Amino acid sequence: MKPLTSVPPLDFQRLYLLPEQCTKSVSRTRDWTIPALHKLGINQGRILSVGCANGMDVLTLRAAGYEAFGTDLYPPHQDALPWFKQGSITAIPFANESFNAVTCLEVIEHIEVEMRATAVQELMRVVRKGGVVLIATPNRFFPFDEHAELVRFHSPFETETLSCGDLERLFGSPPQTIPWTGYFQFQRFGRAAQYLVPKILRIFEPRWVHRSPLNPHLFLAFTKEARNGKPSLAQDRP
């Protein structure tokens, strides 16, 4: 599977700890993650950020009253360290059913295809029944996205990105779509884009459009439900 970014893996920590990246994480958490949680009825409780990078999302969630924690391959900003555990999405270092919600933003597309089912099982394992997993990821059927580079191209015929259908099959249930508003800041495109682009992106919010090849980026919430008395997709771990 080819990499989705030209940034070498060992440079990610330095990249995400830059002041502008920390500011971007705070803005995204304030303007998108917290409103998304409210939309899903999660106004308090324990939240886990899987792939928390600089950890500014953890600090912003805690400032908003959530009991937030983070995990990633590399340590975050020092201010977030008290609420951080180093680990992988395929072996999340937290107990079963210990969170009301898990955020996994721009992470799953970087996981090897053969490990994605394990990653989803881990995400669902740490969520309580009735809790949600929030996923943000480029849409495989759209040929490019706005992410770590000015424009990042990917092929709909390759497996590095996922479609809504791919994610449904991994999670075993249909998701709820979440609005784009507040996720991307579009600073690199100038003030006009920061004002106009979010308004244009609203056309992708209806469910049938969000699931289609017209939509560049997926924003989905998967709810953990009980099946035959057992949590769906959860595998007990000590």
Protein backbone atom coordinates (compact mmCIF):
# COMPACT_ATOMS: atom_id res chain seq x y z
CA MET A 1 0.00 0.00 0.00
CA LYS A 2 1.58 3.31 -1.03
CA PRO A 3 1.84 6.12 1.56
CA LEU A 4 -0.76 8.88 1.52
CA THR A 5 1.70 11.64 2.37
CA SER A 6 5.19 12.72 1.40
CA VAL A 7 6.03 13.43 5.06
CA PRO A 8 8.32 10.66 6.41
CA PRO A 9 6.78 8.88 9.41
CA LEU A 10 9.56 9.96 11.77
CA ASP A 11 8.88 13.61 10.89
CA PHE A 12 5.20 13.47 11.88
CA GLN A 13 5.89 14.24 15.53
CA ARG A 14 7.89 17.35 14.67
CA LEU A 15 5.25 18.42 12.13
CA TYR A 16 2.31 18.10 14.51
CA LEU A 17 4.12 19.87 17.36
CA LEU A 18 4.59 23.04 15.30
CA PRO A 19 2.64 25.99 16.76
CA GLU A 20 0.44 26.33 13.67
CA GLN A 21 -0.49 22.63 13.84
CA CYS A 22 -1.33 22.93 17.53
CA THR A 23 -3.55 25.94 16.77
CA LYS A 24 -5.24 24.01 13.98
CA SER A 25 -5.97 21.07 16.32
CA VAL A 26 -7.53 23.41 18.89
CA SER A 27 -9.72 25.05 16.23
CA ARG A 28 -10.87 21.74 14.76
CA THR A 29 -11.75 20.33 18.17
CA ARG A 30 -13.59 23.48 19.21
CA ASP A 31 -15.41 24.02 15.91
CA TRP A 32 -16.07 20.43 14.78
CA THR A 33 -15.42 17.67 17.33
CA ILE A 34 -17.30 19.20 20.25
CA PRO A 35 -20.34 20.22 18.12
CA ALA A 36 -20.32 16.70 16.58
CA LEU A 37 -20.37 15.13 20.05
CA HIS A 38 -23.23 17.42 21.06
CA LYS A 39 -25.11 16.47 17.90
CA LEU A 40 -24.72 12.82 18.92
CA GLY A 41 -26.04 13.56 22.42
CA ILE A 42 -22.66 13.23 24.15
CA ASN A 43 -22.41 16.36 26.26
CA GLN A 44 -20.16 14.93 28.97
CA GLY A 45 -18.24 11.80 29.87
CA ARG A 46 -15.04 10.04 28.84
CA ILE A 47 -13.64 10.65 25.36
CA LEU A 48 -10.63 8.96 23.75
CA SER A 49 -8.70 10.47 20.85
CA VAL A 50 -7.00 7.67 18.90
CA GLY A 51 -4.21 9.24 16.89
CA CYS A 52 -4.19 12.38 19.02
CA ALA A 53 -0.91 13.69 17.48
CA ASN A 54 -0.01 16.87 19.42
CA GLY A 55 -2.75 16.22 22.00
CA MET A 56 -4.30 19.67 21.69
CA ASP A 57 -7.65 18.00 21.06
CA VAL A 58 -7.39 16.27 24.45
CA LEU A 59 -6.71 19.58 26.21
CA THR A 60 -9.53 21.34 24.33
CA LEU A 61 -12.01 18.58 25.17
CA ARG A 62 -11.01 18.70 28.83
CA ALA A 63 -11.44 22.48 28.88
CA ALA A 64 -14.99 21.89 27.56
CA GLY A 65 -15.78 19.59 30.50
CA TYR A 66 -15.06 16.16 29.01
CA GLU A 67 -12.81 13.60 30.69
CA ALA A 68 -10.57 13.25 27.64
CA PHE A 69 -7.55 11.04 26.99
CA GLY A 70 -5.31 10.41 24.00
CA THR A 71 -3.16 7.71 22.45
CA ASP A 72 -0.72 7.75 19.54
CA LEU A 73 2.54 6.21 18.33
CA TYR A 74 4.49 9.27 19.47
CA PRO A 75 4.24 11.49 22.58
CA PRO A 76 2.10 14.65 22.29
CA HIS A 77 2.76 18.19 23.49
CA GLN A 78 4.03 18.08 27.06
CA ASP A 79 0.86 19.76 28.37
CA ALA A 80 -1.18 16.73 27.24
CA LEU A 81 1.15 14.06 28.69
CA PRO A 82 -0.83 13.49 31.95
CA TRP A 83 -3.77 12.18 29.90
CA PHE A 84 -1.79 10.28 27.25
CA LYS A 85 -0.83 6.63 26.79
CA GLN A 86 1.54 5.67 24.00
CA GLY A 87 0.18 2.87 21.82
CA SER A 88 -1.22 1.70 18.51
CA ILE A 89 -4.74 1.67 17.12
CA THR A 90 -4.37 -2.11 16.74
CA ALA A 91 -3.67 -2.48 20.49
CA ILE A 92 -5.31 0.49 22.23
CA PRO A 93 -3.90 0.76 25.79
CA PHE A 94 -7.23 1.33 27.57
CA ALA A 95 -9.77 -0.98 29.21
CA ASN A 96 -12.88 -2.49 27.63
CA GLU A 97 -15.94 -0.24 27.34
CA SER A 98 -14.30 2.67 29.16
CA PHE A 99 -15.32 5.57 26.89
CA ASN A 100 -18.55 7.25 25.83
CA ALA A 101 -16.97 8.16 22.48
CA VAL A 102 -13.79 7.63 20.51
CA THR A 103 -12.49 9.98 17.82
CA CYS A 104 -10.31 8.55 15.06
CA LEU A 105 -9.56 11.39 12.66
CA GLU A 106 -7.34 10.91 9.59
CA VAL A 107 -5.95 7.66 10.97
CA ILE A 108 -7.63 4.58 9.49
CA GLU A 109 -6.47 5.29 5.93
CA HIS A 110 -2.88 4.96 7.17
CA ILE A 111 -3.46 1.46 8.59
CA GLU A 112 -2.42 -1.53 6.52
CA VAL A 113 -5.44 -3.15 4.87
CA GLU A 114 -4.94 -6.48 6.63
CA MET A 115 -4.89 -4.71 10.04
CA ARG A 116 -7.98 -2.54 9.59
CA ALA A 117 -10.43 -5.10 10.96
CA THR A 118 -8.27 -5.37 14.09
CA ALA A 119 -8.20 -1.59 14.38
CA VAL A 120 -11.99 -1.39 14.18
CA GLN A 121 -12.36 -4.16 16.77
CA GLU A 122 -10.11 -2.17 19.10
CA LEU A 123 -12.06 1.05 18.55
CA MET A 124 -15.31 -0.73 19.35
CA ARG A 125 -13.80 -2.61 22.28
CA VAL A 126 -13.02 0.53 24.27
CA VAL A 127 -16.43 2.16 23.60
CA ARG A 128 -19.34 1.58 25.96
CA LYS A 129 -22.64 0.19 24.66
CA GLY A 130 -24.52 3.07 23.12
CA GLY A 131 -21.29 5.00 22.61
CA VAL A 132 -19.92 6.14 19.26
CA VAL A 133 -16.77 6.05 17.16
CA LEU A 134 -16.23 9.18 15.04
CA ILE A 135 -14.30 8.62 11.83
CA ALA A 136 -12.94 11.27 9.47
CA THR A 137 -11.13 10.02 6.38
CA PRO A 138 -10.78 10.81 2.65
CA ASN A 139 -13.43 9.26 0.41
CA ARG A 140 -11.86 6.58 -1.79
CA PHE A 141 -14.19 7.41 -4.69
CA PHE A 142 -13.07 11.07 -4.83
CA PRO A 143 -9.62 11.48 -6.44
CA PHE A 144 -8.05 14.08 -4.12
CA ASP A 145 -8.40 15.73 -0.73
CA GLU A 146 -7.21 18.69 1.34
CA HIS A 147 -4.98 17.34 4.07
CA ALA A 148 -1.27 17.56 4.96
CA GLU A 149 -0.38 18.91 1.54
CA LEU A 150 -1.94 21.56 -0.72
CA VAL A 151 -3.73 18.85 -2.71
CA ARG A 152 -3.23 15.15 -2.08
CA PHE A 153 -4.17 12.78 -4.90
CA HIS A 154 -5.25 9.18 -4.42
CA SER A 155 -6.72 6.58 -6.74
CA PRO A 156 -10.23 5.16 -6.24
CA PHE A 157 -8.81 1.89 -7.58
CA GLU A 158 -6.23 1.59 -4.78
CA THR A 159 -6.80 0.47 -1.19
CA GLU A 160 -5.03 3.22 0.73
CA THR A 161 -8.29 5.16 1.17
CA LEU A 162 -11.75 3.87 2.11
CA SER A 163 -15.32 4.44 0.94
CA CYS A 164 -18.40 4.65 3.13
CA GLY A 165 -19.22 1.08 2.05
CA ASP A 166 -15.74 -0.10 3.04
CA LEU A 167 -16.22 1.37 6.52
CA GLU A 168 -19.72 -0.08 6.84
CA ARG A 169 -18.33 -3.53 6.14
CA LEU A 170 -15.55 -3.06 8.69
CA PHE A 171 -17.88 -1.80 11.43
CA GLY A 172 -20.75 -4.10 10.50
CA SER A 173 -23.38 -1.38 10.71
CA PRO A 174 -24.53 1.75 8.85
CA PRO A 175 -23.14 5.06 10.14
CA GLN A 176 -24.66 8.43 10.84
CA THR A 177 -23.19 11.22 8.72
CA ILE A 178 -21.73 14.26 10.48
CA PRO A 179 -21.57 17.79 8.96
CA TRP A 180 -18.27 19.15 7.63
CA THR A 181 -18.65 22.55 9.28
CA GLY A 182 -15.59 23.54 11.31
CA TYR A 183 -13.35 20.60 10.40
CA PHE A 184 -11.09 22.19 7.79
CA GLN A 185 -9.96 25.79 8.31
CA PHE A 186 -8.64 26.35 4.75
CA GLN A 187 -6.11 28.96 5.94
CA ARG A 188 -3.71 28.10 3.12
CA PHE A 189 -6.28 29.16 0.52
CA GLY A 190 -6.85 32.66 1.90
CA ARG A 191 -9.72 34.47 3.61
CA ALA A 192 -12.14 34.15 0.70
CA ALA A 193 -11.83 30.35 0.77
CA GLN A 194 -12.25 30.29 4.55
CA TYR A 195 -15.59 32.03 4.09
CA LEU A 196 -16.89 30.43 0.87
CA VAL A 197 -15.67 26.82 0.98
CA PRO A 198 -17.56 25.81 4.17
CA LYS A 199 -20.76 27.07 2.60
CA ILE A 200 -20.08 25.07 -0.57
CA LEU A 201 -19.30 21.93 1.44
CA ARG A 202 -22.80 21.92 2.92
CA ILE A 203 -24.03 20.38 -0.34
CA PHE A 204 -22.27 17.14 0.72
CA GLU A 205 -24.10 16.82 4.03
CA PRO A 206 -27.26 14.97 2.91
CA ARG A 207 -26.72 11.25 3.49
CA TRP A 208 -27.01 10.15 -0.15
CA VAL A 209 -24.52 12.81 -1.30
CA HIS A 210 -22.15 12.15 1.59
CA ARG A 211 -21.95 8.48 0.59
CA SER A 212 -21.41 9.25 -3.10
CA PRO A 213 -18.28 9.75 -5.25
CA LEU A 214 -19.10 13.49 -5.25
CA ASN A 215 -18.00 13.85 -1.63
CA PRO A 216 -14.24 14.38 -1.01
CA HIS A 217 -14.18 13.51 2.69
CA LEU A 218 -16.19 11.20 4.95
CA PHE A 219 -17.38 12.20 8.44
CA LEU A 220 -19.15 9.25 10.05
CA ALA A 221 -20.33 8.12 13.48
CA PHE A 222 -20.71 4.41 14.26
CA THR A 223 -22.76 3.46 17.32
CA LYS A 224 -21.87 0.42 19.41
CA GLU A 225 -24.96 -1.67 19.92
CA ALA A 226 -25.55 -4.96 21.74
CA ARG A 227 -26.13 -8.07 19.65
CA ASN A 228 -27.49 -11.16 21.39
CA GLY A 229 -26.38 -9.71 24.70
CA LYS A 230 -22.84 -8.98 23.50
CA PRO A 231 -21.31 -5.77 22.13
CA SER A 232 -20.93 -5.77 18.35
CA LEU A 233 -17.37 -6.23 17.10
CA ALA A 234 -15.90 -6.00 20.60
CA GLN A 235 -13.38 -8.59 21.70
CA ASP A 236 -12.65 -8.73 25.42
CA ARG A 237 -9.14 -7.93 26.53
CA PRO A 238 -7.84 -7.63 30.07
